[in-house]
Protein backbone atom coordinates (compact mmCIF):
# COMPACT_ATOMS: atom_id res chain seq x y z
CA MET A 1 127.56 181.24 163.62
CA LEU A 2 126.90 177.49 163.51
CA ASN A 3 124.08 176.10 162.05
CA LYS A 4 122.08 173.59 164.29
CA ALA A 5 119.91 172.15 161.64
CA SER A 6 122.95 171.20 159.49
CA LEU A 7 124.87 169.66 162.38
CA TYR A 8 121.62 167.72 163.77
CA ALA A 9 120.94 166.71 160.12
CA LYS A 10 124.70 164.98 159.72
CA HIS A 11 124.69 163.93 163.33
CA ALA A 12 121.57 162.86 164.49
CA TRP A 13 122.86 161.18 167.80
CA LEU A 14 123.26 164.94 169.18
CA VAL A 15 119.62 165.57 168.77
CA PRO A 16 117.99 165.43 172.35
CA SER A 17 115.65 162.87 172.50
CA ARG A 18 114.65 159.94 174.74
CA GLU A 19 116.40 157.25 172.25
CA PRO A 20 118.82 154.78 174.03
CA LEU A 21 122.28 155.83 173.37
CA ASN A 22 125.89 154.46 174.71
CA LEU A 23 128.75 156.84 175.41
CA ILE A 24 132.36 156.66 175.87
CA ILE A 25 133.86 159.61 177.47
CA GLY A 26 137.30 161.18 177.89
CA ASP A 27 139.09 161.35 181.26
CA ASP A 28 139.14 164.78 182.12
CA LEU A 29 136.73 167.38 183.65
CA ASP A 30 135.54 168.95 180.39
CA ALA A 31 134.47 165.22 179.47
CA ALA A 32 132.84 164.73 182.89
CA LEU A 33 131.08 168.32 182.42
CA SER A 34 130.11 167.35 179.09
CA ALA A 35 128.71 164.06 179.78
CA ALA A 36 126.44 165.45 182.83
CA LEU A 37 124.87 168.02 180.38
CA PHE A 38 124.62 165.25 177.53
CA LEU A 39 122.91 162.84 180.30
CA HIS A 40 120.54 165.43 181.15
CA THR A 41 119.57 166.25 177.69
CA HIS A 42 119.36 162.49 176.74
CA PRO A 43 117.65 160.64 179.55
CA ASN A 44 117.96 157.34 178.26
CA ALA A 45 121.53 157.61 177.34
CA LYS A 46 124.10 155.49 179.21
CA ILE A 47 127.88 155.88 179.94
CA ILE A 48 129.51 152.54 179.34
CA GLY A 49 133.12 153.57 179.32
CA VAL A 50 135.96 155.75 179.60
CA TYR A 51 138.98 156.25 177.39
CA ALA A 52 141.95 156.94 179.76
CA LYS A 53 145.21 158.46 178.82
CA TYR A 54 144.38 158.14 175.13
CA GLN A 55 145.79 154.65 175.72
CA THR A 56 143.18 152.15 177.74
CA VAL A 57 139.54 152.08 177.07
CA TYR A 58 137.62 150.96 180.48
CA TYR A 59 134.34 149.74 179.45
CA SER A 60 131.34 147.82 180.87
CA ALA A 61 131.92 144.11 181.44
CA MET A 62 128.49 143.54 180.22
CA SER A 63 129.39 144.97 176.80
CA ALA A 64 131.38 143.55 173.86
CA TRP A 65 134.30 145.52 172.13
CA GLN A 66 132.10 145.92 169.09
CA ASP A 67 129.44 147.82 171.38
CA ALA A 68 132.13 150.28 172.61
CA LEU A 69 132.96 150.66 169.06
CA ASN A 70 129.37 151.52 167.91
CA ALA A 71 129.11 153.86 171.00
CA ALA A 72 129.20 157.71 170.68
CA TRP A 73 132.89 159.04 172.02
CA LEU A 74 132.17 162.47 173.85
CA ASP A 75 135.10 164.93 174.30
CA LEU A 76 137.30 162.65 171.94
CA ASP A 77 138.61 162.61 168.37
CA ILE A 78 138.54 158.77 167.37
CA TYR A 79 139.76 157.90 164.13
CA HIS A 80 137.45 154.88 163.08
CA ALA A 81 135.06 154.66 160.55
CA GLU A 82 132.59 153.03 162.71
CA CYS A 83 132.87 155.35 165.73
CA LYS A 84 130.72 158.49 165.98
CA SER A 85 132.97 160.99 168.17
CA LEU A 86 132.99 164.71 169.25
CA GLY A 87 136.05 166.46 169.61
CA HIS A 88 137.99 169.75 169.25
CA HIS A 89 141.76 168.80 168.85
CA ILE A 90 143.33 170.11 165.64
CA LEU A 91 143.05 166.93 163.35
CA ARG A 92 144.63 168.12 160.03
CA LEU A 93 147.97 169.29 158.68
CA ASN A 94 146.05 171.04 155.99
CA PRO A 95 142.23 171.72 155.80
CA ARG A 96 142.27 169.47 152.43
CA ASP A 97 143.56 166.42 154.11
CA LYS A 98 141.20 163.53 153.35
CA LEU A 99 140.36 161.73 156.50
CA ASP A 100 137.62 158.91 155.85
CA GLY A 101 138.28 157.61 159.84
CA PHE A 102 136.13 160.76 160.87
CA ALA A 103 133.35 160.26 158.31
CA LYS A 104 130.88 159.90 161.64
CA SER A 105 132.43 162.46 163.77
CA LEU A 106 132.17 166.12 164.36
CA ASN A 107 135.21 168.32 165.29
CA LEU A 108 135.05 171.97 165.97
CA ASN A 109 138.14 173.04 164.28
CA ASP A 110 136.99 170.83 160.99
CA LEU A 111 133.80 172.85 160.76
CA TRP A 112 135.99 176.18 160.44
CA GLY A 113 138.75 174.53 158.35
CA LYS A 114 141.62 175.26 161.11
CA ALA A 115 144.45 173.01 160.87
CA LEU A 116 148.03 172.66 161.85
CA ASP A 117 149.62 174.37 159.01
CA LYS A 118 146.58 176.88 158.62
CA HIS A 119 144.85 179.16 161.01
CA PHE A 120 146.50 177.25 164.15
CA ASP A 121 146.28 180.55 166.10
CA GLU A 122 142.60 180.51 165.47
CA LYS A 123 141.82 177.30 166.67
CA TYR A 124 138.88 176.23 168.76
CA PRO A 125 140.08 177.55 172.66
CA LEU A 126 137.42 176.34 174.67
CA GLY A 127 135.86 173.04 176.08
CA THR A 128 133.28 170.59 174.56
CA VAL A 129 130.92 171.61 177.25
CA HIS A 130 130.84 174.84 176.07
CA PHE A 131 129.93 173.81 172.59
CA LEU A 132 127.19 171.60 174.20
CA MET A 133 125.89 174.56 176.10
CA TRP A 134 125.35 176.46 172.90
CA LEU A 135 123.85 173.28 171.23
CA TYR A 136 121.45 172.75 173.70
CA GLN A 137 120.70 176.57 174.74
CA GLN A 138 122.09 176.10 178.02
CA GLU A 139 123.43 179.09 179.98
CA ILE A 140 125.62 179.05 182.89
CA PRO A 141 123.35 177.66 185.65
CA ASN A 142 122.45 180.13 188.65
CA LEU A 143 124.14 178.06 191.30
CA PRO A 144 127.14 179.09 193.46
CA ASP A 145 130.42 178.90 191.60
CA ALA A 146 128.87 177.26 188.54
CA ASP A 147 130.36 180.06 186.31
CA VAL A 148 133.97 179.02 187.75
CA LEU A 149 133.49 175.58 187.12
CA LEU A 150 132.39 175.89 183.70
CA TRP A 151 135.35 178.31 182.87
CA LEU A 152 137.77 175.79 184.49
CA ALA A 153 136.97 173.23 181.81
CA ASP A 154 140.17 172.78 179.52
CA SER A 155 141.57 175.76 181.23
CA ALA A 156 139.26 178.16 179.14
CA TYR A 157 139.59 181.06 181.76
CA ILE A 158 143.22 181.06 181.17
CA ASN A 159 142.88 181.01 177.47
CA ALA A 160 140.44 184.06 178.03
CA GLN A 161 142.92 186.08 179.62
CA ALA A 162 145.49 188.78 177.95
CA ASN A 163 148.78 187.50 180.15
CA ALA A 164 149.65 184.51 181.85
CA PHE A 165 152.68 182.80 183.17
CA ARG A 166 154.50 179.60 181.78
CA LYS A 167 156.63 177.23 183.64
CA ARG A 168 160.30 176.86 182.78
CA TYR A 169 160.87 173.40 184.10
CA ARG A 170 164.68 173.15 183.67
CA GLU A 171 165.21 176.52 185.98
CA GLY A 172 162.03 175.72 188.32
CA GLN A 173 161.39 179.27 187.04
CA VAL A 174 158.34 181.00 185.24
CA GLU A 175 158.34 183.49 182.28
CA TRP A 176 155.61 186.03 181.58
CA VAL A 177 153.55 185.36 178.50
CA GLU A 178 151.59 187.77 176.45
CA ARG A 179 148.36 185.79 175.62
CA ALA A 180 146.42 188.78 173.90
CA GLY A 181 146.01 186.81 170.86
CA PHE A 182 144.34 183.98 172.88
CA LYS A 183 141.91 186.13 174.48
CA TRP A 184 141.14 187.63 171.25
CA ASN A 185 140.46 184.25 169.96
CA VAL A 186 138.40 183.14 172.59
CA LYS A 187 135.86 186.46 172.25
CA SER A 188 135.94 185.72 168.56
CA TRP A 189 134.48 182.16 168.91
CA LEU A 190 132.08 183.32 171.87
CA HIS A 191 130.52 186.25 169.55
CA GLY A 192 130.81 183.99 166.51
CA ALA A 193 130.20 180.39 166.62
CA ILE A 194 129.37 179.81 170.16
CA GLN A 195 127.06 182.29 171.26
CA VAL A 196 126.13 181.45 175.09
CA LYS A 197 124.85 184.89 176.35
CA SER A 198 126.25 184.09 179.88
CA LEU A 199 129.56 182.85 178.80
CA GLN A 200 129.80 186.43 176.81
CA GLN A 201 128.70 188.13 179.78
CA THR A 202 131.28 186.55 182.07
CA PHE A 203 134.18 186.51 179.57
CA GLU A 204 135.69 189.96 180.80
CA GLN A 205 135.55 188.73 184.36
CA VAL A 206 137.81 185.79 184.21
CA ASP A 207 140.66 188.11 183.53
CA THR A 208 140.39 189.73 187.19
CA LEU A 209 141.79 189.10 190.61
CA ALA A 210 138.36 188.63 192.33
CA PHE A 211 137.64 186.01 189.63
CA GLU A 212 140.91 184.17 190.21
CA GLU A 213 140.23 184.53 194.03
CA ARG A 214 137.11 182.61 193.51
CA MET A 215 138.87 180.03 191.33
CA ARG A 216 141.50 179.38 194.03
CA ALA A 217 138.67 178.63 196.75
CA PHE A 218 137.07 176.54 194.12
CA GLN A 219 140.03 174.50 193.50
CA GLU A 220 140.76 173.83 197.04
CA LYS A 221 137.28 172.44 197.23
CA MET A 222 137.72 170.23 194.63
CA ASN A 223 141.16 168.97 196.14
CA ALA A 224 139.14 168.40 199.29
CA HIS A 225 137.08 166.19 197.30
CA GLY A 226 139.81 163.89 196.36
CA PHE A 227 140.23 165.16 192.92
CA THR A 228 143.69 165.61 191.02
CA GLN A 229 144.63 168.64 189.48
CA GLY A 230 147.36 167.09 187.22
CA GLU A 231 150.20 169.19 185.43
CA GLY A 232 149.83 172.45 183.76
CA GLN A 233 152.48 174.81 181.49
CA VAL A 234 150.47 177.89 181.51
CA ALA A 235 149.25 179.74 184.74
CA SER A 236 146.79 182.42 185.38
CA HIS A 237 147.43 186.00 185.18
CA HIS A 238 147.40 187.20 188.95
CA LEU A 239 147.62 184.30 191.27
CA LYS A 240 149.48 181.62 188.91
CA LEU A 241 146.64 179.22 188.87
CA PHE A 242 146.70 176.46 186.92
CA GLY A 243 143.76 174.06 185.01
CA TYR A 244 142.47 171.17 186.85
CA GLN A 245 142.16 168.06 184.44
CA CYS A 246 140.71 165.72 187.18
CA GLN A 247 141.89 162.82 185.62
CA PRO A 248 141.21 159.30 187.15
CA THR A 249 143.22 157.68 190.11
CA GLY A 250 142.59 154.30 191.45
CA ASP A 251 139.64 152.78 190.22
CA VAL A 252 138.67 154.47 187.02
CA GLY A 253 135.03 153.71 187.14
CA ALA A 254 134.59 154.83 190.78
CA PHE A 255 136.52 157.87 190.38
CA VAL A 256 134.43 158.98 187.11
CA VAL A 257 131.55 158.17 188.94
CA ARG A 258 132.30 160.49 191.81
CA LEU A 259 133.48 163.27 189.27
CA LEU A 260 130.16 163.08 187.17
CA GLU A 261 128.19 163.43 190.55
CA PHE A 262 130.19 166.24 191.63
CA CYS A 263 129.73 167.81 188.14
CA SER A 264 125.98 167.16 188.44
CA THR A 265 125.69 168.58 191.95
CA GLN A 266 127.49 172.08 191.12
CA THR A 267 125.69 172.56 187.44
CA GLY A 268 122.02 171.00 188.44
CA TRP A 269 122.32 168.70 185.16
CA LYS A 270 120.80 165.81 186.74
CA PHE A 271 120.78 162.23 185.52
CA SER A 272 119.53 158.92 186.70
CA PRO A 273 121.69 156.40 188.62
CA ALA A 274 121.02 153.91 185.73
CA GLN A 275 122.79 156.27 183.21
CA ILE A 276 126.04 155.68 184.96
CA GLU A 277 125.69 152.40 186.40
CA PRO A 278 127.76 150.52 183.55
CA LEU A 279 130.68 152.15 185.07
CA LYS A 280 130.55 150.22 188.20
CA THR A 281 132.16 147.08 186.86
CA LEU A 282 134.48 147.57 183.87
CA GLN A 283 136.81 145.42 181.71
CA ALA A 284 139.98 147.25 179.95
CA LYS A 285 141.71 147.00 176.64
CA SER A 286 144.75 148.86 175.94
CA GLY A 287 146.53 150.26 172.91
CA LYS A 288 149.88 151.31 172.36
CA ARG A 289 151.15 155.22 172.55
CA VAL A 290 153.59 156.40 170.23
CA SER A 291 155.49 159.72 169.87
CA GLU A 292 156.88 160.54 166.38
CA ASN A 293 158.36 163.35 164.55
CA LEU A 294 155.83 164.85 161.84
CA GLU A 295 158.54 164.51 159.23
CA ARG A 296 157.58 161.13 158.13
CA VAL A 297 153.87 161.94 158.46
CA ARG A 298 154.14 164.72 155.99
CA ALA A 299 156.24 162.48 153.61
CA GLN A 300 153.57 159.76 153.60
CA GLY A 301 150.75 161.80 153.87
CA LEU A 302 148.61 161.99 156.81
CA GLU A 303 145.87 159.43 155.71
CA ASN A 304 148.20 157.38 154.48
CA PHE A 305 150.36 157.40 157.93
CA LEU A 306 147.13 156.61 159.83
CA ARG A 307 146.18 154.15 157.95
CA ALA A 308 149.71 152.33 157.83
CA GLN A 309 150.16 152.81 161.54
CA ASN A 310 146.34 151.47 162.23
CA VAL A 311 145.84 154.55 164.16
CA PHE A 312 142.86 154.71 166.54
CA SER A 313 143.31 158.49 168.18
CA TYR A 314 146.05 161.05 167.99
CA VAL A 315 146.96 164.52 168.73
CA PHE A 316 149.77 167.21 167.38
CA THR A 317 151.52 167.97 170.58
CA HIS A 318 153.73 170.40 168.86
CA PHE A 319 154.17 171.71 165.60
CA ASP A 320 156.66 168.73 164.80
CA THR A 321 155.41 165.85 166.95
CA ILE A 322 152.32 163.84 166.67
CA ASN A 323 151.28 161.21 169.48
CA TYR A 324 149.25 158.37 168.78
CA THR A 325 147.45 155.30 169.85
CA THR A 326 147.49 152.10 167.84
CA GLY A 327 146.12 148.64 168.40
CA LEU A 328 142.43 149.29 169.19
CA ASN A 329 141.16 149.28 165.88
CA ALA A 330 140.14 145.61 165.90
């Protein structure tokens, strides 16, 4: 199990307090749920921006870019020495990679030495919100469908199933995928590092038809509220449902405010209007998104590559590909 005292000592901004703190959040459902819980736990924290599609930072018109860099970036992995971030992507090719740009950041795979070339099948399989539930001793709220919503974050309910379906886009068909290893990995994290009793108790339910029927009804509700499902590659065991990313469409600030308010209503994690007020008037700063084969990265060494390309954020989309964003470090 993770040690809270140690995490708080190294990342003081995570400690529940009434101190002012600015946040930049990711642009999906997990980020919104994580932000709702964080704001509820930190009543003087404010969301001043959103990092959308790993390319554009929409941030308060009342803030300077340096204010954004000094903020805490939630449900994001930001490779910048001044940025504090909390995320759960695989960040290293090898656990021994030295990455100074993450000096102030917390990454859940890093805590356990999970890397692309080592223990990848044991990578963190849940959402940022599930880690924060453990950190802040928050169980699933006793509200209708709160469990469905929280298992929907980052498609955690599909990861927790033993079987699923994967799209075959060329043929327009689906194929059966055995996912017993994924289910085992979710259970391992829930009973090891992230011990939230209500998540442990509902874990076996998510692989049932009854749960998926509730999930389908809840997704229809989200659709009625105007939230966007987004694309998915892996579908659920029984009803072939997908995740629900809820990434912004139209006015980013207005969309994210609606999503935050929806998450707050569904969970009871309340926050004040002042905590999301900066999202009402935003400016934008965009970088360039690049996809590249990992062969050159391995040849240079990951840290050297990130420095040479002035990388701000990145993700390994496959075992042989890195997607990264440049042009935002200044």
